[in-house]
Amino acid sequence: MRVVYLHQYFLTPAQAGGVRSFHVATALARRGHDVHVVTATPPVDAAPASAHGADADEVHDGVTVHRLPVDYAAAMGDGRRIVAFVAFALRSSLLARSLRGDVVVATSTPLTIAVPGIAATLLRRAPLVFEVRDSWPEVPIAMGALRHPLLRAAARLLERAAYASSSTVVALSPGMADSVVRAGHPRDRTVVVPNMSDLERFDPARARPEAFTGRHPRLLGRRLAVYCGTFGRANGLDHLVDVAVELDRRGHDLVVVLLGAGAEKEAVRERARRLGVLDRSLVVLDAVAKADLPDVLAASTVALSSFADVPALRANSANKYFDALAAARPVAVNVGGWQAEALVETGAGLQLDRDPARAARALADFVDDAAGLRQAGRAARRLAEERYAQPLLVARLCDVVECDAAAAASPPGRSRGRSARRD
């Protein structure tokens, strides 16, 4: 069976960023399928310099990767991002259709990935499995990225077209699934497969925290609250800067470490400098490859997940959260929602107050409780093992793809048996 996998930001573990698609694509290849990924050139802030700009096919663990020369970087403004999204949607549509997949997987963001997904399956029996990684277009509308009424209307229309064209919609959180159903997609053809914890890669027994602190001697001997992710408006990192100010005011030794790239990075750095905490209680570092992230988390005392205080963002399924759980690191989140509820329920972390002073006090008390911290770390790893283990969730997603392909190939009138995999 040929699988055409559409993902504008497809990355490998050698690069900085999420690798969910890599693991699903390679798992499908191991099941004997002919997998073709259609993607863009790697973002400058994610790829090794030698890889950026390459316009040639690659093969990774049995998966053929077709890269189109469409540039994108997290530091781009909204206008340039929209241009990149549209350019990739148009260029990838022709390639995706020419590959003639038996099944097409399209994973957002951005929502425009639906365009090549629909194009590749139009007037053909190939089903479309559409994966929703963010509540689009709710999030860009809430964050002000789509201001014009016509752009908002077009985004809503594309959302409905994507769901109507899909045999199954895969959502990364219960809240995203609810959003999909509200937009008109049947509940029984909407599946939740959250982001995943790579238990092997993030095994704390295999990590080398000294590999990270050795590169940053100023962090030696300090307790670290580490954020690994994007510096964007949606991430609300000003809140963590304000928490660092309060930690400094309290004379606490906990250092907030922000690693990543994005449009807001210099603004965050400048704000920390202006408030007098840069390189004191807050340090800003460049993104690291996924392969190096276990060492970073092993050096941390607690992991941070940050988002702006916007209701639409509470359904997020941030990679950093699942990586930290796998690394047996407690997680502190600064928004409510399903992830915060899981942390509180299992004792694997805490939800920080939006008031920086109260958040700093709670964070300081949390890391000062040595016995409680060890218990939270064990609870974090257990949560990863029991709910988010990568092999289990990758297999579930592969089953969805195979089931939809088999149903589409079956003679008309035969039962498609979808209910068997909706558990």
Protein backbone atom coordinates (compact mmCIF):
# COMPACT_ATOMS: atom_id res chain seq x y z
CA MET A 1 0.00 0.00 0.00
CA ARG A 2 1.28 3.45 -0.88
CA VAL A 3 0.87 6.11 1.82
CA VAL A 4 1.25 9.78 0.90
CA TYR A 5 2.04 11.73 4.07
CA LEU A 6 1.66 15.52 3.92
CA HIS A 7 3.38 17.60 6.58
CA GLN A 8 4.88 21.01 5.86
CA TYR A 9 7.23 20.83 8.88
CA PHE A 10 8.42 17.20 8.71
CA LEU A 11 11.54 16.86 10.88
CA THR A 12 13.86 14.05 11.97
CA PRO A 13 15.35 13.49 15.46
CA ALA A 14 18.56 15.16 14.24
CA GLN A 15 16.64 18.44 14.01
CA ALA A 16 15.00 20.70 16.59
CA GLY A 17 11.25 20.29 16.76
CA GLY A 18 8.45 17.75 16.93
CA VAL A 19 9.04 14.35 15.33
CA ARG A 20 5.60 12.74 15.66
CA SER A 21 5.24 12.43 11.87
CA PHE A 22 8.69 10.86 11.59
CA HIS A 23 7.77 8.10 14.03
CA VAL A 24 4.39 7.41 12.42
CA ALA A 25 5.80 7.41 8.88
CA THR A 26 8.68 5.08 9.76
CA ALA A 27 6.30 2.77 11.65
CA LEU A 28 4.09 2.53 8.55
CA ALA A 29 7.20 1.71 6.51
CA ARG A 30 8.13 -1.05 8.97
CA ARG A 31 4.66 -2.51 8.42
CA GLY A 32 5.60 -2.97 4.79
CA HIS A 33 3.98 0.11 3.25
CA ASP A 34 5.50 2.40 0.62
CA VAL A 35 5.54 5.73 2.45
CA HIS A 36 6.15 9.06 0.69
CA VAL A 37 6.37 12.24 2.77
CA VAL A 38 5.75 15.58 1.03
CA THR A 39 7.25 18.46 2.99
CA ALA A 40 9.14 21.73 2.69
CA THR A 41 12.79 22.59 3.20
CA PRO A 42 13.56 22.40 6.94
CA PRO A 43 13.21 25.66 8.88
CA VAL A 44 16.53 27.46 9.27
CA ASP A 45 16.14 27.32 13.06
CA ALA A 46 15.49 23.55 13.06
CA ALA A 47 17.80 22.08 10.44
CA PRO A 48 21.52 21.44 10.22
CA ALA A 49 23.04 24.02 7.90
CA SER A 50 23.95 21.39 5.32
CA ALA A 51 20.32 20.29 4.99
CA HIS A 52 18.66 23.67 4.55
CA GLY A 53 17.81 24.51 1.00
CA ALA A 54 18.22 20.97 -0.29
CA ASP A 55 15.71 20.28 -3.07
CA ALA A 56 16.15 16.54 -3.45
CA ASP A 57 14.51 13.36 -2.25
CA GLU A 58 15.81 11.80 0.95
CA VAL A 59 15.29 8.37 2.47
CA HIS A 60 14.93 7.98 6.24
CA ASP A 61 14.37 4.49 7.68
CA GLY A 62 12.53 3.33 4.57
CA VAL A 63 10.51 6.54 4.12
CA THR A 64 10.98 8.60 0.95
CA VAL A 65 10.93 12.31 1.77
CA HIS A 66 10.16 14.78 -1.03
CA ARG A 67 11.20 18.32 -0.06
CA LEU A 68 9.78 21.32 -1.87
CA PRO A 69 11.77 24.60 -1.84
CA VAL A 70 9.39 26.62 0.33
CA ASP A 71 11.12 28.51 3.14
CA TYR A 72 9.65 28.80 6.61
CA ALA A 73 10.99 29.83 10.00
CA ALA A 74 9.39 30.29 13.41
CA ALA A 75 10.71 33.87 13.43
CA MET A 76 8.53 34.87 10.45
CA GLY A 77 5.73 37.36 10.95
CA ASP A 78 2.10 36.51 10.26
CA GLY A 79 2.13 37.83 6.68
CA ARG A 80 5.20 35.85 5.59
CA ARG A 81 3.83 32.73 7.28
CA ILE A 82 0.58 32.95 5.33
CA VAL A 83 2.55 33.33 2.08
CA ALA A 84 4.62 30.24 2.97
CA PHE A 85 1.50 28.25 3.85
CA VAL A 86 -0.24 29.09 0.57
CA ALA A 87 2.90 28.48 -1.51
CA PHE A 88 3.40 25.04 -0.01
CA ALA A 89 -0.28 24.15 -0.36
CA LEU A 90 -0.23 24.93 -4.08
CA ARG A 91 3.12 23.31 -4.91
CA SER A 92 2.49 20.19 -2.86
CA SER A 93 -0.95 19.60 -4.40
CA LEU A 94 0.51 18.64 -7.77
CA LEU A 95 3.20 16.42 -6.27
CA ALA A 96 0.83 14.72 -3.85
CA ARG A 97 -1.65 13.90 -6.59
CA SER A 98 1.08 12.56 -8.89
CA LEU A 99 2.21 10.11 -6.18
CA ARG A 100 -1.20 8.35 -6.37
CA GLY A 101 -1.41 7.15 -2.81
CA ASP A 102 -3.81 4.44 -1.70
CA VAL A 103 -4.35 6.56 1.40
CA VAL A 104 -3.36 10.16 2.17
CA VAL A 105 -2.42 11.46 5.62
CA ALA A 106 -2.41 15.24 6.03
CA THR A 107 -1.27 16.74 9.32
CA SER A 108 -1.79 20.33 10.37
CA THR A 109 -0.71 22.92 11.29
CA PRO A 110 -1.24 24.88 9.14
CA LEU A 111 -4.84 24.28 8.13
CA THR A 112 -3.83 24.89 4.49
CA ILE A 113 -2.37 21.37 4.45
CA ALA A 114 -5.96 20.35 3.72
CA VAL A 115 -5.59 21.74 0.18
CA PRO A 116 -3.06 19.14 -1.05
CA GLY A 117 -4.87 16.51 1.02
CA ILE A 118 -8.12 17.16 -0.83
CA ALA A 119 -6.31 17.50 -4.17
CA ALA A 120 -4.58 14.14 -3.74
CA THR A 121 -7.85 12.30 -3.09
CA LEU A 122 -10.25 14.20 -5.37
CA LEU A 123 -12.16 11.87 -7.74
CA ARG A 124 -10.18 8.91 -6.44
CA ARG A 125 -11.02 6.14 -3.95
CA ALA A 126 -8.09 7.05 -1.72
CA PRO A 127 -9.28 8.13 1.75
CA LEU A 128 -7.93 11.18 3.58
CA VAL A 129 -6.87 10.88 7.22
CA PHE A 130 -6.67 14.46 8.49
CA GLU A 131 -4.75 15.19 11.69
CA VAL A 132 -5.55 18.30 13.73
CA ARG A 133 -2.61 19.44 15.88
CA ASP A 134 -4.08 22.77 16.96
CA SER A 135 -7.56 24.20 17.15
CA TRP A 136 -7.39 25.92 13.77
CA PRO A 137 -8.71 28.41 12.90
CA GLU A 138 -9.79 29.19 16.49
CA VAL A 139 -6.22 29.78 17.71
CA PRO A 140 -4.99 32.16 14.94
CA ILE A 141 -8.26 34.06 15.17
CA ALA A 142 -7.98 34.34 18.96
CA MET A 143 -4.33 35.44 18.68
CA GLY A 144 -5.12 38.10 16.06
CA ALA A 145 -3.25 36.43 13.19
CA LEU A 146 -6.41 36.34 11.05
CA ARG A 147 -7.93 39.79 11.42
CA HIS A 148 -9.72 40.38 8.14
CA PRO A 149 -13.29 39.01 7.99
CA LEU A 150 -12.64 37.49 4.56
CA LEU A 151 -9.58 35.60 5.83
CA ARG A 152 -11.57 34.31 8.78
CA ALA A 153 -14.43 33.21 6.53
CA ALA A 154 -11.99 31.49 4.16
CA ALA A 155 -10.36 29.67 7.08
CA ARG A 156 -13.73 28.47 8.36
CA LEU A 157 -14.69 27.30 4.87
CA LEU A 158 -11.40 25.41 4.50
CA GLU A 159 -11.89 23.82 7.91
CA ARG A 160 -15.32 22.49 6.95
CA ALA A 161 -14.03 21.29 3.56
CA ALA A 162 -11.14 19.45 5.22
CA TYR A 163 -13.41 17.61 7.63
CA ALA A 164 -16.04 16.85 4.98
CA SER A 165 -13.34 15.31 2.75
CA SER A 166 -11.83 13.17 5.51
CA SER A 167 -12.58 9.54 6.23
CA THR A 168 -11.22 10.10 9.75
CA VAL A 169 -10.09 13.19 11.64
CA VAL A 170 -7.39 12.57 14.26
CA ALA A 171 -7.31 15.16 17.06
CA LEU A 172 -4.42 15.55 19.50
CA SER A 173 -6.58 16.34 22.52
CA PRO A 174 -10.18 15.90 23.69
CA GLY A 175 -10.76 19.64 23.33
CA MET A 176 -9.59 19.58 19.72
CA ALA A 177 -11.90 16.63 19.04
CA ASP A 178 -14.82 18.60 20.47
CA SER A 179 -13.94 21.49 18.15
CA VAL A 180 -13.89 19.14 15.14
CA VAL A 181 -17.32 17.75 16.05
CA ARG A 182 -18.73 21.25 16.55
CA ALA A 183 -17.58 22.03 13.00
CA GLY A 184 -19.76 19.19 11.71
CA HIS A 185 -17.55 16.09 11.57
CA PRO A 186 -19.20 12.92 12.96
CA ARG A 187 -18.09 11.94 16.45
CA ASP A 188 -17.68 8.28 15.41
CA ARG A 189 -15.15 9.28 12.75
CA THR A 190 -13.15 11.52 15.08
CA VAL A 191 -10.30 9.88 17.01
CA VAL A 192 -8.10 11.28 19.79
CA VAL A 193 -4.43 10.28 19.54
CA PRO A 194 -2.45 12.69 21.74
CA ASN A 195 1.20 13.53 21.41
CA MET A 196 3.55 10.83 22.58
CA SER A 197 6.20 10.14 25.19
CA ASP A 198 9.33 8.50 23.78
CA LEU A 199 10.15 6.35 26.81
CA GLU A 200 13.32 4.90 25.32
CA ARG A 201 14.90 8.13 24.10
CA PHE A 202 14.06 9.98 27.32
CA ASP A 203 14.98 7.16 29.70
CA PRO A 204 16.53 9.12 32.61
CA ALA A 205 19.04 6.32 33.23
CA ARG A 206 20.57 6.95 29.80
CA ALA A 207 20.67 10.75 29.90
CA ARG A 208 23.83 12.78 30.49
CA PRO A 209 22.91 16.03 32.24
CA GLU A 210 26.57 17.05 32.36
CA ALA A 211 26.58 17.16 28.55
CA PHE A 212 24.18 20.11 28.75
CA THR A 213 25.54 21.93 31.80
CA GLY A 214 29.08 21.40 30.54
CA ARG A 215 28.24 23.59 27.55
CA HIS A 216 26.74 26.23 29.84
CA PRO A 217 29.02 26.52 32.91
CA ARG A 218 26.96 29.39 34.36
CA LEU A 219 24.20 26.85 35.04
CA LEU A 220 26.41 24.48 37.03
CA GLY A 221 25.17 24.01 40.57
CA ARG A 222 21.88 25.81 39.88
CA ARG A 223 18.41 24.33 39.94
CA LEU A 224 16.73 24.78 36.57
CA ALA A 225 13.13 25.30 35.45
CA VAL A 226 13.42 24.55 31.73
CA TYR A 227 11.15 25.57 28.86
CA CYS A 228 11.95 23.97 25.48
CA GLY A 229 9.81 25.24 22.63
CA THR A 230 8.72 28.07 20.41
CA PHE A 231 9.04 31.77 21.23
CA GLY A 232 5.73 32.93 19.79
CA ARG A 233 2.82 35.10 20.86
CA ALA A 234 0.78 32.00 21.63
CA ASN A 235 3.41 30.78 24.08
CA GLY A 236 3.00 33.71 26.46
CA LEU A 237 6.62 33.69 27.63
CA ASP A 238 6.29 37.13 29.22
CA HIS A 239 4.62 35.29 32.09
CA LEU A 240 7.76 33.21 32.67
CA VAL A 241 9.90 36.35 32.57
CA ASP A 242 7.69 37.85 35.27
CA VAL A 243 7.98 34.65 37.32
CA ALA A 244 11.78 34.90 37.02
CA VAL A 245 11.58 38.49 38.32
CA GLU A 246 9.68 37.28 41.37
CA LEU A 247 12.13 34.40 41.95
CA ASP A 248 15.00 36.89 41.83
CA ARG A 249 13.17 39.16 44.26
CA ARG A 250 12.80 36.24 46.66
CA GLY A 251 16.51 35.43 46.36
CA HIS A 252 15.69 31.90 45.22
CA ASP A 253 18.33 29.92 43.34
CA LEU A 254 15.92 28.49 40.73
CA VAL A 255 16.81 29.68 37.21
CA VAL A 256 14.24 29.85 34.42
CA VAL A 257 15.91 28.56 31.23
CA LEU A 258 14.19 29.24 27.91
CA LEU A 259 15.45 27.23 24.91
CA GLY A 260 14.08 27.60 21.42
CA ALA A 261 13.47 29.91 18.49
CA GLY A 262 10.66 32.10 17.27
CA ALA A 263 9.43 35.54 16.33
CA GLU A 264 9.27 36.75 19.94
CA LYS A 265 12.69 35.54 21.08
CA GLU A 266 14.51 38.87 20.95
CA ALA A 267 11.56 40.66 22.54
CA VAL A 268 11.57 38.16 25.41
CA ARG A 269 15.33 38.54 25.83
CA GLU A 270 15.09 42.34 25.80
CA ARG A 271 12.26 42.36 28.34
CA ALA A 272 14.29 40.16 30.68
CA ARG A 273 17.27 42.49 30.25
CA ARG A 274 15.13 45.56 30.95
CA LEU A 275 13.75 43.96 34.12
CA GLY A 276 17.24 43.06 35.30
CA VAL A 277 16.93 39.26 35.33
CA LEU A 278 18.66 38.24 32.09
CA ASP A 279 21.51 35.87 32.94
CA ARG A 280 20.51 36.07 36.61
CA SER A 281 17.26 34.24 37.27
CA LEU A 282 16.49 33.81 33.56
CA VAL A 283 18.68 32.49 30.73
CA VAL A 284 17.79 32.40 27.02
CA LEU A 285 19.44 29.73 24.87
CA ASP A 286 19.18 28.44 21.31
CA ALA A 287 17.08 25.44 20.36
CA VAL A 288 18.66 22.00 20.57
CA ALA A 289 18.10 18.95 18.38
CA LYS A 290 15.54 16.44 19.59
CA ALA A 291 18.37 13.95 20.08
CA ASP A 292 20.00 16.28 22.65
CA LEU A 293 16.82 17.10 24.54
CA PRO A 294 17.07 14.18 27.03
CA ASP A 295 20.29 15.67 28.41
CA VAL A 296 18.62 19.07 28.81
CA LEU A 297 15.66 17.64 30.69
CA ALA A 298 17.89 15.44 32.84
CA ALA A 299 19.69 18.61 33.98
CA SER A 300 16.41 20.28 34.91
CA THR A 301 14.62 20.27 38.24
CA VAL A 302 11.22 20.95 36.70
CA ALA A 303 10.00 21.38 33.13
CA LEU A 304 7.83 24.31 32.05
CA SER A 305 5.00 24.47 29.52
CA SER A 306 3.78 27.96 28.74
CA PHE A 307 0.90 29.43 26.75
CA ALA A 308 -0.89 32.74 26.59
CA ASP A 309 -3.99 33.01 28.76
CA VAL A 310 -6.38 32.40 25.85
CA PRO A 311 -9.19 29.81 26.22
CA ALA A 312 -8.59 28.36 22.73
CA LEU A 313 -5.06 27.35 23.78
CA ARG A 314 -6.20 25.14 26.65
CA ALA A 315 -6.74 22.27 24.21
CA ASN A 316 -3.05 22.30 23.20
CA SER A 317 -0.98 19.10 23.04
CA ALA A 318 2.55 20.45 23.48
CA ASN A 319 5.46 18.12 22.68
CA LYS A 320 7.50 19.52 25.57
CA TYR A 321 4.94 18.24 28.07
CA PHE A 322 5.18 14.63 26.88
CA ASP A 323 8.97 14.72 26.57
CA ALA A 324 9.29 15.91 30.16
CA LEU A 325 7.00 13.19 31.47
CA ALA A 326 9.07 10.54 29.69
CA ALA A 327 12.22 12.04 31.25
CA ALA A 328 10.65 11.64 34.72
CA ARG A 329 10.57 15.39 35.21
CA PRO A 330 7.63 17.10 36.93
CA VAL A 331 5.88 19.65 34.72
CA ALA A 332 4.60 23.11 35.63
CA VAL A 333 1.99 24.52 33.23
CA ASN A 334 0.60 28.04 33.30
CA VAL A 335 -2.77 27.38 31.63
CA GLY A 336 -5.69 25.18 32.56
CA GLY A 337 -7.06 22.38 30.44
CA TRP A 338 -6.67 18.64 30.08
CA GLN A 339 -2.90 18.58 30.60
CA ALA A 340 -3.07 20.58 33.83
CA GLU A 341 -5.86 18.31 35.04
CA ALA A 342 -3.73 15.19 34.38
CA LEU A 343 -0.79 16.67 36.30
CA VAL A 344 -2.88 17.55 39.34
CA GLU A 345 -4.77 14.25 39.24
CA THR A 346 -1.60 12.11 39.18
CA GLY A 347 0.74 14.33 41.20
CA ALA A 348 3.10 14.69 38.23
CA GLY A 349 3.30 18.48 38.42
CA LEU A 350 1.37 21.65 39.08
CA GLN A 351 -0.57 24.45 37.44
CA LEU A 352 0.94 27.89 37.99
CA ASP A 353 -1.19 30.88 38.86
CA ARG A 354 -1.29 33.66 36.26
CA ASP A 355 -0.20 36.06 39.00
CA PRO A 356 3.64 35.96 38.78
CA ALA A 357 4.21 36.39 42.52
CA ARG A 358 1.91 33.50 43.43
CA ALA A 359 3.35 31.39 40.60
CA ALA A 360 6.93 32.02 41.77
CA ARG A 361 6.03 31.15 45.36
CA ALA A 362 4.34 27.89 44.30
CA LEU A 363 7.26 26.96 42.04
CA ALA A 364 9.82 27.70 44.76
CA ASP A 365 7.89 25.68 47.34
CA PHE A 366 7.53 22.82 44.86
CA VAL A 367 11.26 22.48 44.11
CA ASP A 368 12.22 23.00 47.76
CA ASP A 369 10.27 19.89 48.77
CA ALA A 370 12.91 17.27 47.92
CA ALA A 371 10.77 14.25 48.81
CA GLY A 372 7.73 15.64 47.00
CA LEU A 373 9.86 16.44 43.96
CA ARG A 374 11.12 12.85 43.73
CA GLN A 375 7.59 11.55 44.06
CA ALA A 376 6.37 13.91 41.32
CA GLY A 377 9.16 12.72 39.02
CA ARG A 378 8.11 9.11 39.50
CA ALA A 379 4.48 10.07 38.89
CA ALA A 380 5.48 11.87 35.68
CA ARG A 381 7.24 8.81 34.27
CA ARG A 382 4.32 6.58 35.28
CA LEU A 383 1.87 8.92 33.53
CA ALA A 384 3.98 8.72 30.36
CA GLU A 385 4.12 4.92 30.54
CA GLU A 386 0.44 4.37 31.23
CA ARG A 387 -1.20 6.95 28.94
CA TYR A 388 1.23 8.33 26.38
CA ALA A 389 3.72 5.56 25.50
CA GLN A 390 4.90 6.17 21.95
CA PRO A 391 4.68 2.56 20.63
CA LEU A 392 1.04 2.28 21.71
CA LEU A 393 -0.06 5.61 20.21
CA VAL A 394 1.96 5.19 16.99
CA ALA A 395 0.35 1.77 16.51
CA ARG A 396 -3.10 3.28 17.11
CA LEU A 397 -2.52 5.92 14.44
CA CYS A 398 -1.12 3.36 11.99
CA ASP A 399 -4.22 1.23 12.58
CA VAL A 400 -6.43 4.18 11.66
CA VAL A 401 -4.55 4.67 8.38
CA GLU A 402 -4.66 0.98 7.47
CA CYS A 403 -8.32 0.59 8.45
CA ASP A 404 -9.42 3.56 6.33
CA ALA A 405 -7.40 2.31 3.35
CA ALA A 406 -8.93 -1.17 3.66
CA ALA A 407 -12.44 0.28 3.98
CA ALA A 408 -11.98 2.41 0.86
CA ALA A 409 -10.74 -0.60 -1.10
CA SER A 410 -13.63 -2.86 -0.04
CA PRO A 411 -16.57 -3.40 -2.41
CA PRO A 412 -19.45 -0.90 -2.06
CA GLY A 413 -22.01 -1.91 0.52
CA ARG A 414 -19.64 -3.87 2.73
CA SER A 415 -19.30 -2.78 6.35
CA ARG A 416 -16.23 -0.68 6.94
CA GLY A 417 -15.87 -1.77 10.55
CA ARG A 418 -14.76 1.63 11.77
CA SER A 419 -16.30 1.20 15.19
CA ALA A 420 -13.74 -1.48 16.04
CA ARG A 421 -10.99 1.12 16.41
CA ARG A 422 -12.80 4.03 18.03
CA ASP A 423 -12.05 2.95 21.60
